Amino acid sequence: MTEFTHISNDRARMVDIGGKGEVYREALASGRILLRPETLKAIHEGTVVKGNVLATARVAATLAVKETPRLIPMCHPIPISSVDIEFLESESAVEAVVRVRSHGRTGVEMEAITGVSIALLTIWDMVKSAEKDSAGQYPVTCISDIRVLEKKKGGPDE
């Protein structure tokens, strides 16, 4: 087991981006949630008790992208020009992929990984009754591999 030590650092500040120019920015992020095969089947067939899991997760991810500066204190509010959310299925997991685009002074990677995180948490919430074992635990359910896959700054015409 990894040992952790206490970190004491009470400084926090928002970085000044006022001198940066506005350019096209894009970020792609992904993450996955491991689920029971029966739960994946229910998602695919649309029989989850709480309703359409992926549609709800898509809306939640979009809202999370737009609310990132309110959730992460040192993130700047930026103009979001588009959010694309895709879900991929495997035999044991759902992968959420979020692409965020903006034209601004700072990147959109935090917005993309926030969107992924909230999409996956929403999926968990929607299916948690199906994922619990007889003791009320989640032996299979696990969110993992949340990461930024790609960042772009500037476009061919900039």
N, C-alpha and C. Protein backbone atom coordinates (compact mmCIF):
# COMPACT_ATOMS: atom_id res chain seq x y z
N MET A 1 0.84 -1.17 0.00
CA MET A 1 0.00 0.00 0.00
C MET A 1 0.89 1.24 0.00
N THR A 2 0.53 2.24 -0.77
CA THR A 2 1.29 3.47 -0.87
C THR A 2 1.15 4.30 0.39
N GLU A 3 2.28 4.83 0.87
CA GLU A 3 2.24 5.72 2.03
C GLU A 3 2.13 7.15 1.56
N PHE A 4 1.32 7.93 2.24
CA PHE A 4 1.15 9.34 1.93
C PHE A 4 1.66 10.17 3.09
N THR A 5 2.21 11.32 2.78
CA THR A 5 2.62 12.26 3.80
C THR A 5 1.79 13.52 3.67
N HIS A 6 1.67 14.26 4.74
CA HIS A 6 0.88 15.47 4.76
C HIS A 6 1.57 16.58 3.96
N ILE A 7 0.82 17.29 3.15
CA ILE A 7 1.33 18.42 2.39
C ILE A 7 0.71 19.68 2.96
N SER A 8 1.55 20.65 3.27
CA SER A 8 1.02 21.91 3.79
C SER A 8 1.45 23.03 2.85
N ASN A 9 0.48 23.58 2.13
CA ASN A 9 0.73 24.68 1.22
C ASN A 9 -0.57 25.45 1.10
N ASP A 10 -0.61 26.63 1.72
CA ASP A 10 -1.86 27.37 1.75
C ASP A 10 -1.98 28.41 0.64
N ARG A 11 -1.08 28.40 -0.33
CA ARG A 11 -1.17 29.36 -1.43
C ARG A 11 -1.97 28.77 -2.57
N ALA A 12 -2.85 29.57 -3.10
CA ALA A 12 -3.62 29.19 -4.28
C ALA A 12 -3.96 30.48 -5.00
N ARG A 13 -3.86 30.45 -6.33
CA ARG A 13 -4.20 31.65 -7.09
C ARG A 13 -4.60 31.28 -8.50
N MET A 14 -5.40 32.14 -9.10
CA MET A 14 -5.78 31.99 -10.49
C MET A 14 -4.68 32.66 -11.32
N VAL A 15 -4.18 31.95 -12.32
CA VAL A 15 -3.12 32.47 -13.17
C VAL A 15 -3.67 33.57 -14.07
N ASP A 16 -2.89 34.63 -14.26
CA ASP A 16 -3.29 35.75 -15.12
C ASP A 16 -3.11 35.36 -16.58
N ILE A 17 -4.20 35.31 -17.31
CA ILE A 17 -4.14 34.98 -18.75
C ILE A 17 -4.46 36.20 -19.61
N GLY A 18 -4.51 37.37 -18.96
CA GLY A 18 -4.88 38.60 -19.66
C GLY A 18 -4.00 38.95 -20.84
N GLY A 19 -2.73 38.59 -20.78
CA GLY A 19 -1.81 38.91 -21.87
C GLY A 19 -1.79 37.90 -23.00
N LYS A 20 -2.53 36.83 -22.86
CA LYS A 20 -2.55 35.79 -23.89
C LYS A 20 -3.57 36.14 -24.97
N GLY A 21 -3.26 35.79 -26.19
CA GLY A 21 -4.19 36.02 -27.29
C GLY A 21 -5.26 34.94 -27.35
N GLU A 22 -6.38 35.29 -27.95
CA GLU A 22 -7.45 34.31 -28.13
C GLU A 22 -7.19 33.48 -29.38
N VAL A 23 -7.18 32.17 -29.20
CA VAL A 23 -6.95 31.24 -30.31
C VAL A 23 -7.92 30.06 -30.17
N TYR A 24 -8.06 29.31 -31.24
CA TYR A 24 -8.85 28.09 -31.23
C TYR A 24 -8.19 27.09 -30.29
N ARG A 25 -9.01 26.44 -29.47
CA ARG A 25 -8.50 25.43 -28.55
C ARG A 25 -9.46 24.25 -28.54
N GLU A 26 -8.90 23.07 -28.37
CA GLU A 26 -9.70 21.84 -28.37
C GLU A 26 -9.04 20.83 -27.45
N ALA A 27 -9.85 20.06 -26.75
CA ALA A 27 -9.32 18.97 -25.92
C ALA A 27 -10.25 17.77 -26.03
N LEU A 28 -9.62 16.60 -26.00
CA LEU A 28 -10.33 15.33 -26.06
C LEU A 28 -9.93 14.53 -24.82
N ALA A 29 -10.92 14.06 -24.06
CA ALA A 29 -10.65 13.29 -22.85
C ALA A 29 -11.54 12.04 -22.83
N SER A 30 -11.11 11.07 -22.05
CA SER A 30 -11.91 9.84 -21.93
C SER A 30 -11.75 9.24 -20.55
N GLY A 31 -12.62 8.30 -20.26
CA GLY A 31 -12.58 7.54 -19.02
C GLY A 31 -13.57 6.40 -19.13
N ARG A 32 -13.50 5.48 -18.20
CA ARG A 32 -14.40 4.32 -18.29
C ARG A 32 -14.98 3.94 -16.95
N ILE A 33 -16.11 3.27 -17.03
CA ILE A 33 -16.74 2.71 -15.84
C ILE A 33 -16.96 1.22 -16.08
N LEU A 34 -16.43 0.41 -15.18
CA LEU A 34 -16.62 -1.03 -15.24
C LEU A 34 -17.96 -1.36 -14.61
N LEU A 35 -18.72 -2.23 -15.27
CA LEU A 35 -20.06 -2.59 -14.82
C LEU A 35 -20.29 -4.08 -15.00
N ARG A 36 -21.28 -4.60 -14.31
CA ARG A 36 -21.68 -6.00 -14.48
C ARG A 36 -22.25 -6.20 -15.88
N PRO A 37 -22.09 -7.39 -16.45
CA PRO A 37 -22.65 -7.66 -17.77
C PRO A 37 -24.16 -7.43 -17.84
N GLU A 38 -24.88 -7.78 -16.78
CA GLU A 38 -26.33 -7.59 -16.76
C GLU A 38 -26.69 -6.10 -16.82
N THR A 39 -25.87 -5.29 -16.16
CA THR A 39 -26.12 -3.85 -16.16
C THR A 39 -25.86 -3.27 -17.55
N LEU A 40 -24.78 -3.70 -18.17
CA LEU A 40 -24.48 -3.24 -19.54
C LEU A 40 -25.60 -3.63 -20.50
N LYS A 41 -26.14 -4.82 -20.32
CA LYS A 41 -27.25 -5.26 -21.16
C LYS A 41 -28.48 -4.37 -20.93
N ALA A 42 -28.77 -4.03 -19.68
CA ALA A 42 -29.92 -3.17 -19.36
C ALA A 42 -29.73 -1.77 -19.96
N ILE A 43 -28.52 -1.26 -19.92
CA ILE A 43 -28.25 0.05 -20.53
C ILE A 43 -28.51 -0.03 -22.03
N HIS A 44 -27.97 -1.06 -22.65
CA HIS A 44 -28.10 -1.25 -24.10
C HIS A 44 -29.56 -1.43 -24.52
N GLU A 45 -30.32 -2.15 -23.72
CA GLU A 45 -31.72 -2.43 -24.04
C GLU A 45 -32.68 -1.33 -23.56
N GLY A 46 -32.17 -0.38 -22.78
CA GLY A 46 -33.01 0.71 -22.30
C GLY A 46 -33.96 0.31 -21.18
N THR A 47 -33.56 -0.66 -20.37
CA THR A 47 -34.45 -1.15 -19.31
C THR A 47 -34.00 -0.75 -17.90
N VAL A 48 -33.09 0.20 -17.78
CA VAL A 48 -32.64 0.65 -16.47
C VAL A 48 -33.79 1.40 -15.79
N VAL A 49 -34.00 1.13 -14.52
CA VAL A 49 -35.13 1.68 -13.76
C VAL A 49 -35.18 3.21 -13.82
N LYS A 50 -34.04 3.88 -13.73
CA LYS A 50 -34.02 5.34 -13.69
C LYS A 50 -34.19 5.98 -15.07
N GLY A 51 -34.18 5.19 -16.13
CA GLY A 51 -34.39 5.76 -17.46
C GLY A 51 -33.21 5.61 -18.38
N ASN A 52 -33.15 6.49 -19.38
CA ASN A 52 -32.12 6.42 -20.41
C ASN A 52 -30.77 6.89 -19.84
N VAL A 53 -29.91 5.94 -19.55
CA VAL A 53 -28.64 6.20 -18.87
C VAL A 53 -27.74 7.10 -19.69
N LEU A 54 -27.52 6.76 -20.94
CA LEU A 54 -26.54 7.50 -21.75
C LEU A 54 -27.04 8.89 -22.14
N ALA A 55 -28.34 9.03 -22.36
CA ALA A 55 -28.88 10.37 -22.65
C ALA A 55 -28.72 11.27 -21.43
N THR A 56 -28.99 10.73 -20.26
CA THR A 56 -28.84 11.50 -19.03
C THR A 56 -27.38 11.86 -18.79
N ALA A 57 -26.48 10.90 -19.01
CA ALA A 57 -25.05 11.15 -18.83
C ALA A 57 -24.54 12.18 -19.84
N ARG A 58 -25.09 12.19 -21.04
CA ARG A 58 -24.70 13.18 -22.06
C ARG A 58 -25.08 14.59 -21.62
N VAL A 59 -26.29 14.75 -21.12
CA VAL A 59 -26.74 16.05 -20.63
C VAL A 59 -25.89 16.48 -19.42
N ALA A 60 -25.65 15.56 -18.50
CA ALA A 60 -24.84 15.88 -17.31
C ALA A 60 -23.42 16.30 -17.70
N ALA A 61 -22.83 15.62 -18.67
CA ALA A 61 -21.48 15.97 -19.12
C ALA A 61 -21.46 17.36 -19.73
N THR A 62 -22.46 17.68 -20.53
CA THR A 62 -22.54 19.00 -21.15
C THR A 62 -22.65 20.09 -20.08
N LEU A 63 -23.52 19.87 -19.10
CA LEU A 63 -23.66 20.84 -18.01
C LEU A 63 -22.35 20.97 -17.23
N ALA A 64 -21.67 19.86 -16.98
CA ALA A 64 -20.41 19.89 -16.23
C ALA A 64 -19.34 20.69 -16.97
N VAL A 65 -19.25 20.51 -18.28
CA VAL A 65 -18.28 21.27 -19.07
C VAL A 65 -18.54 22.77 -18.89
N LYS A 66 -19.79 23.15 -18.99
CA LYS A 66 -20.15 24.57 -18.89
C LYS A 66 -19.96 25.12 -17.48
N GLU A 67 -20.02 24.27 -16.47
CA GLU A 67 -19.90 24.70 -15.08
C GLU A 67 -18.51 24.48 -14.48
N THR A 68 -17.55 24.04 -15.27
CA THR A 68 -16.22 23.72 -14.74
C THR A 68 -15.62 24.83 -13.89
N PRO A 69 -15.64 26.11 -14.31
CA PRO A 69 -15.03 27.13 -13.45
C PRO A 69 -15.73 27.31 -12.11
N ARG A 70 -16.97 26.89 -12.00
CA ARG A 70 -17.67 26.96 -10.71
C ARG A 70 -17.32 25.77 -9.83
N LEU A 71 -16.86 24.68 -10.43
CA LEU A 71 -16.52 23.47 -9.69
C LEU A 71 -15.04 23.40 -9.31
N ILE A 72 -14.18 23.92 -10.16
CA ILE A 72 -12.73 23.88 -9.95
C ILE A 72 -12.28 25.33 -9.77
N PRO A 73 -11.92 25.71 -8.54
CA PRO A 73 -11.77 27.12 -8.19
C PRO A 73 -10.81 27.95 -9.05
N MET A 74 -9.72 27.40 -9.53
CA MET A 74 -8.75 28.21 -10.25
C MET A 74 -8.91 28.15 -11.77
N CYS A 75 -9.97 27.51 -12.25
CA CYS A 75 -10.26 27.49 -13.68
C CYS A 75 -10.92 28.80 -14.09
N HIS A 76 -10.54 29.29 -15.26
CA HIS A 76 -11.13 30.52 -15.80
C HIS A 76 -12.44 30.20 -16.52
N PRO A 77 -13.41 31.09 -16.43
CA PRO A 77 -14.59 30.92 -17.28
C PRO A 77 -14.18 31.20 -18.73
N ILE A 78 -14.54 30.31 -19.61
CA ILE A 78 -14.14 30.46 -21.02
C ILE A 78 -15.34 30.24 -21.91
N PRO A 79 -15.30 30.80 -23.11
CA PRO A 79 -16.42 30.59 -24.04
C PRO A 79 -16.33 29.20 -24.67
N ILE A 80 -17.31 28.37 -24.41
CA ILE A 80 -17.35 27.02 -24.99
C ILE A 80 -18.11 27.12 -26.30
N SER A 81 -17.47 26.67 -27.39
CA SER A 81 -18.16 26.73 -28.68
C SER A 81 -18.85 25.41 -29.01
N SER A 82 -18.33 24.29 -28.50
CA SER A 82 -19.04 23.02 -28.72
C SER A 82 -18.56 21.96 -27.75
N VAL A 83 -19.46 21.00 -27.51
CA VAL A 83 -19.16 19.84 -26.68
C VAL A 83 -19.71 18.63 -27.42
N ASP A 84 -18.87 17.65 -27.66
CA ASP A 84 -19.29 16.40 -28.27
C ASP A 84 -19.03 15.27 -27.28
N ILE A 85 -20.03 14.44 -27.05
CA ILE A 85 -19.92 13.33 -26.11
C ILE A 85 -20.27 12.04 -26.83
N GLU A 86 -19.40 11.06 -26.67
CA GLU A 86 -19.61 9.76 -27.30
C GLU A 86 -19.44 8.68 -26.23
N PHE A 87 -20.23 7.63 -26.34
CA PHE A 87 -20.11 6.49 -25.44
C PHE A 87 -19.77 5.26 -26.25
N LEU A 88 -18.80 4.51 -25.78
CA LEU A 88 -18.38 3.27 -26.40
C LEU A 88 -18.61 2.14 -25.40
N GLU A 89 -19.05 0.99 -25.90
CA GLU A 89 -19.34 -0.15 -25.04
C GLU A 89 -18.33 -1.27 -25.29
N SER A 90 -18.00 -1.98 -24.23
CA SER A 90 -17.25 -3.23 -24.35
C SER A 90 -18.01 -4.28 -23.55
N GLU A 91 -17.44 -5.45 -23.39
CA GLU A 91 -18.11 -6.52 -22.63
C GLU A 91 -18.18 -6.20 -21.14
N SER A 92 -17.31 -5.27 -20.68
CA SER A 92 -17.25 -5.04 -19.24
C SER A 92 -17.32 -3.57 -18.84
N ALA A 93 -17.44 -2.66 -19.81
CA ALA A 93 -17.36 -1.25 -19.45
C ALA A 93 -18.06 -0.36 -20.47
N VAL A 94 -18.32 0.87 -20.02
CA VAL A 94 -18.73 1.96 -20.90
C VAL A 94 -17.61 2.99 -20.84
N GLU A 95 -17.19 3.45 -22.00
CA GLU A 95 -16.18 4.50 -22.07
C GLU A 95 -16.87 5.79 -22.52
N ALA A 96 -16.58 6.86 -21.80
CA ALA A 96 -17.09 8.19 -22.17
C ALA A 96 -15.94 8.95 -22.83
N VAL A 97 -16.24 9.58 -23.96
CA VAL A 97 -15.25 10.39 -24.68
C VAL A 97 -15.87 11.76 -24.88
N VAL A 98 -15.17 12.79 -24.42
CA VAL A 98 -15.69 14.15 -24.49
C VAL A 98 -14.69 15.03 -25.22
N ARG A 99 -15.19 15.75 -26.24
CA ARG A 99 -14.39 16.72 -26.99
C ARG A 99 -15.00 18.11 -26.74
N VAL A 100 -14.14 19.05 -26.35
CA VAL A 100 -14.58 20.42 -26.06
C VAL A 100 -13.79 21.37 -26.95
N ARG A 101 -14.49 22.35 -27.52
CA ARG A 101 -13.86 23.35 -28.37
C ARG A 101 -14.18 24.74 -27.83
N SER A 102 -13.21 25.64 -28.03
CA SER A 102 -13.36 27.02 -27.58
C SER A 102 -12.46 27.92 -28.42
N HIS A 103 -12.71 29.19 -28.35
CA HIS A 103 -11.83 30.20 -28.94
C HIS A 103 -11.54 31.17 -27.78
N GLY A 104 -10.39 30.99 -27.15
CA GLY A 104 -10.12 31.78 -25.96
C GLY A 104 -8.66 31.85 -25.60
N ARG A 105 -8.39 32.23 -24.34
CA ARG A 105 -7.03 32.50 -23.87
C ARG A 105 -6.42 31.36 -23.07
N THR A 106 -7.20 30.33 -22.80
CA THR A 106 -6.67 29.19 -22.04
C THR A 106 -7.31 27.91 -22.56
N GLY A 107 -6.66 26.80 -22.26
CA GLY A 107 -7.09 25.51 -22.78
C GLY A 107 -8.41 25.02 -22.21
N VAL A 108 -8.91 23.94 -22.79
CA VAL A 108 -10.20 23.37 -22.41
C VAL A 108 -10.08 21.94 -21.88
N GLU A 109 -8.86 21.54 -21.50
CA GLU A 109 -8.69 20.17 -21.02
C GLU A 109 -9.40 19.92 -19.69
N MET A 110 -9.45 20.92 -18.81
CA MET A 110 -10.15 20.72 -17.54
C MET A 110 -11.65 20.54 -17.79
N GLU A 111 -12.18 21.28 -18.73
CA GLU A 111 -13.59 21.13 -19.09
C GLU A 111 -13.86 19.73 -19.65
N ALA A 112 -12.95 19.23 -20.48
CA ALA A 112 -13.14 17.91 -21.08
C ALA A 112 -13.09 16.80 -20.02
N ILE A 113 -12.11 16.85 -19.11
CA ILE A 113 -12.05 15.78 -18.11
C ILE A 113 -13.13 15.93 -17.04
N THR A 114 -13.61 17.15 -16.81
CA THR A 114 -14.75 17.33 -15.91
C THR A 114 -15.99 16.72 -16.55
N GLY A 115 -16.18 16.94 -17.84
CA GLY A 115 -17.30 16.33 -18.56
C GLY A 115 -17.27 14.82 -18.49
N VAL A 116 -16.10 14.23 -18.70
CA VAL A 116 -15.95 12.77 -18.61
C VAL A 116 -16.29 12.29 -17.21
N SER A 117 -15.72 12.96 -16.21
CA SER A 117 -15.94 12.54 -14.82
C SER A 117 -17.41 12.54 -14.45
N ILE A 118 -18.11 13.60 -14.80
CA ILE A 118 -19.53 13.71 -14.45
C ILE A 118 -20.38 12.74 -15.27
N ALA A 119 -20.01 12.51 -16.52
CA ALA A 119 -20.73 11.51 -17.32
C ALA A 119 -20.64 10.14 -16.63
N LEU A 120 -19.45 9.77 -16.19
CA LEU A 120 -19.26 8.47 -15.55
C LEU A 120 -19.95 8.39 -14.20
N LEU A 121 -19.88 9.46 -13.43
CA LEU A 121 -20.60 9.48 -12.15
C LEU A 121 -22.11 9.39 -12.34
N THR A 122 -22.60 10.01 -13.40
CA THR A 122 -24.03 9.94 -13.70
C THR A 122 -24.43 8.53 -14.08
N ILE A 123 -23.60 7.87 -14.88
CA ILE A 123 -23.88 6.47 -15.21
C ILE A 123 -23.96 5.64 -13.93
N TRP A 124 -22.97 5.82 -13.04
CA TRP A 124 -22.97 5.07 -11.78
C TRP A 124 -24.27 5.32 -11.02
N ASP A 125 -24.66 6.59 -10.90
CA ASP A 125 -25.89 6.91 -10.18
C ASP A 125 -27.12 6.25 -10.81
N MET A 126 -27.16 6.25 -12.13
CA MET A 126 -28.33 5.70 -12.83
C MET A 126 -28.45 4.18 -12.65
N VAL A 127 -27.32 3.49 -12.47
CA VAL A 127 -27.34 2.01 -12.43
C VAL A 127 -26.96 1.44 -11.07
N LYS A 128 -26.80 2.28 -10.08
CA LYS A 128 -26.27 1.78 -8.80
C LYS A 128 -27.12 0.69 -8.17
N SER A 129 -28.43 0.73 -8.34
CA SER A 129 -29.26 -0.33 -7.75
C SER A 129 -28.97 -1.68 -8.40
N ALA A 130 -28.62 -1.70 -9.67
CA ALA A 130 -28.30 -2.95 -10.36
C ALA A 130 -26.88 -3.43 -10.06
N GLU A 131 -26.02 -2.52 -9.64
CA GLU A 131 -24.62 -2.85 -9.41
C GLU A 131 -24.33 -3.36 -8.00
N LYS A 132 -25.20 -3.06 -7.05
CA LYS A 132 -24.96 -3.47 -5.66
C LYS A 132 -25.10 -4.99 -5.51
N ASP A 133 -24.25 -5.54 -4.62
CA ASP A 133 -24.41 -6.95 -4.30
C ASP A 133 -25.37 -7.08 -3.11
N SER A 134 -25.54 -8.29 -2.58
CA SER A 134 -26.51 -8.52 -1.50
C SER A 134 -26.15 -7.78 -0.22
N ALA A 135 -24.90 -7.38 -0.07
CA ALA A 135 -24.47 -6.62 1.12
C ALA A 135 -24.50 -5.11 0.87
N GLY A 136 -24.97 -4.70 -0.31
CA GLY A 136 -25.04 -3.28 -0.64
C GLY A 136 -23.73 -2.68 -1.11
N GLN A 137 -22.78 -3.54 -1.46
CA GLN A 137 -21.46 -3.08 -1.92
C GLN A 137 -21.38 -3.11 -3.45
N TYR A 138 -20.33 -2.52 -3.97
CA TYR A 138 -20.10 -2.45 -5.42
C TYR A 138 -18.83 -3.23 -5.78
N PRO A 139 -18.94 -4.55 -5.89
CA PRO A 139 -17.74 -5.35 -6.13
C PRO A 139 -17.13 -5.21 -7.53
N VAL A 140 -17.92 -4.77 -8.49
CA VAL A 140 -17.44 -4.65 -9.87
C VAL A 140 -17.26 -3.19 -10.28
N THR A 141 -18.17 -2.35 -9.89
CA THR A 141 -18.25 -0.98 -10.36
C THR A 141 -16.98 -0.21 -10.02
N CYS A 142 -16.39 0.41 -11.05
CA CYS A 142 -15.15 1.15 -10.85
C CYS A 142 -14.99 2.16 -11.97
N ILE A 143 -14.72 3.40 -11.61
CA ILE A 143 -14.39 4.44 -12.58
C ILE A 143 -12.88 4.51 -12.67
N SER A 144 -12.36 4.52 -13.90
CA SER A 144 -10.90 4.53 -14.06
C SER A 144 -10.48 5.19 -15.37
N ASP A 145 -9.21 5.37 -15.49
CA ASP A 145 -8.55 5.80 -16.73
C ASP A 145 -9.05 7.14 -17.26
N ILE A 146 -9.40 8.06 -16.38
CA ILE A 146 -9.79 9.39 -16.83
C ILE A 146 -8.52 10.14 -17.22
N ARG A 147 -8.49 10.59 -18.47
CA ARG A 147 -7.27 11.25 -18.95
C ARG A 147 -7.56 12.13 -20.15
N VAL A 148 -6.65 13.06 -20.37
CA VAL A 148 -6.70 13.90 -21.57
C VAL A 148 -5.98 13.12 -22.67
N LEU A 149 -6.68 12.88 -23.75
CA LEU A 149 -6.10 12.15 -24.88
C LEU A 149 -5.36 13.06 -25.84
N GLU A 150 -5.87 14.30 -25.96
CA GLU A 150 -5.30 15.22 -26.96
C GLU A 150 -5.69 16.65 -26.64
N LYS A 151 -4.77 17.55 -26.89
CA LYS A 151 -5.02 18.99 -26.80
C LYS A 151 -4.58 19.64 -28.11
N LYS A 152 -5.33 20.63 -28.57
CA LYS A 152 -4.94 21.38 -29.76
C LYS A 152 -5.03 22.87 -29.44
N LYS A 153 -4.07 23.60 -29.98
CA LYS A 153 -4.07 25.05 -29.81
C LYS A 153 -3.81 25.65 -31.18
N GLY A 154 -4.70 26.52 -31.60
CA GLY A 154 -4.55 27.14 -32.93
C GLY A 154 -5.09 26.23 -34.00
N GLY A 155 -5.45 26.84 -35.10
CA GLY A 155 -5.95 26.09 -36.24
C GLY A 155 -5.16 26.43 -37.47
N PRO A 156 -5.49 25.82 -38.58
CA PRO A 156 -4.74 26.06 -39.80
C PRO A 156 -4.80 27.51 -40.28
N ASP A 157 -5.85 28.24 -39.89
CA ASP A 157 -6.00 29.61 -40.35
C ASP A 157 -5.50 30.63 -39.31
N GLU A 158 -4.88 30.15 -38.22
CA GLU A 158 -4.38 31.07 -37.19
C GLU A 158 -2.88 31.08 -37.18
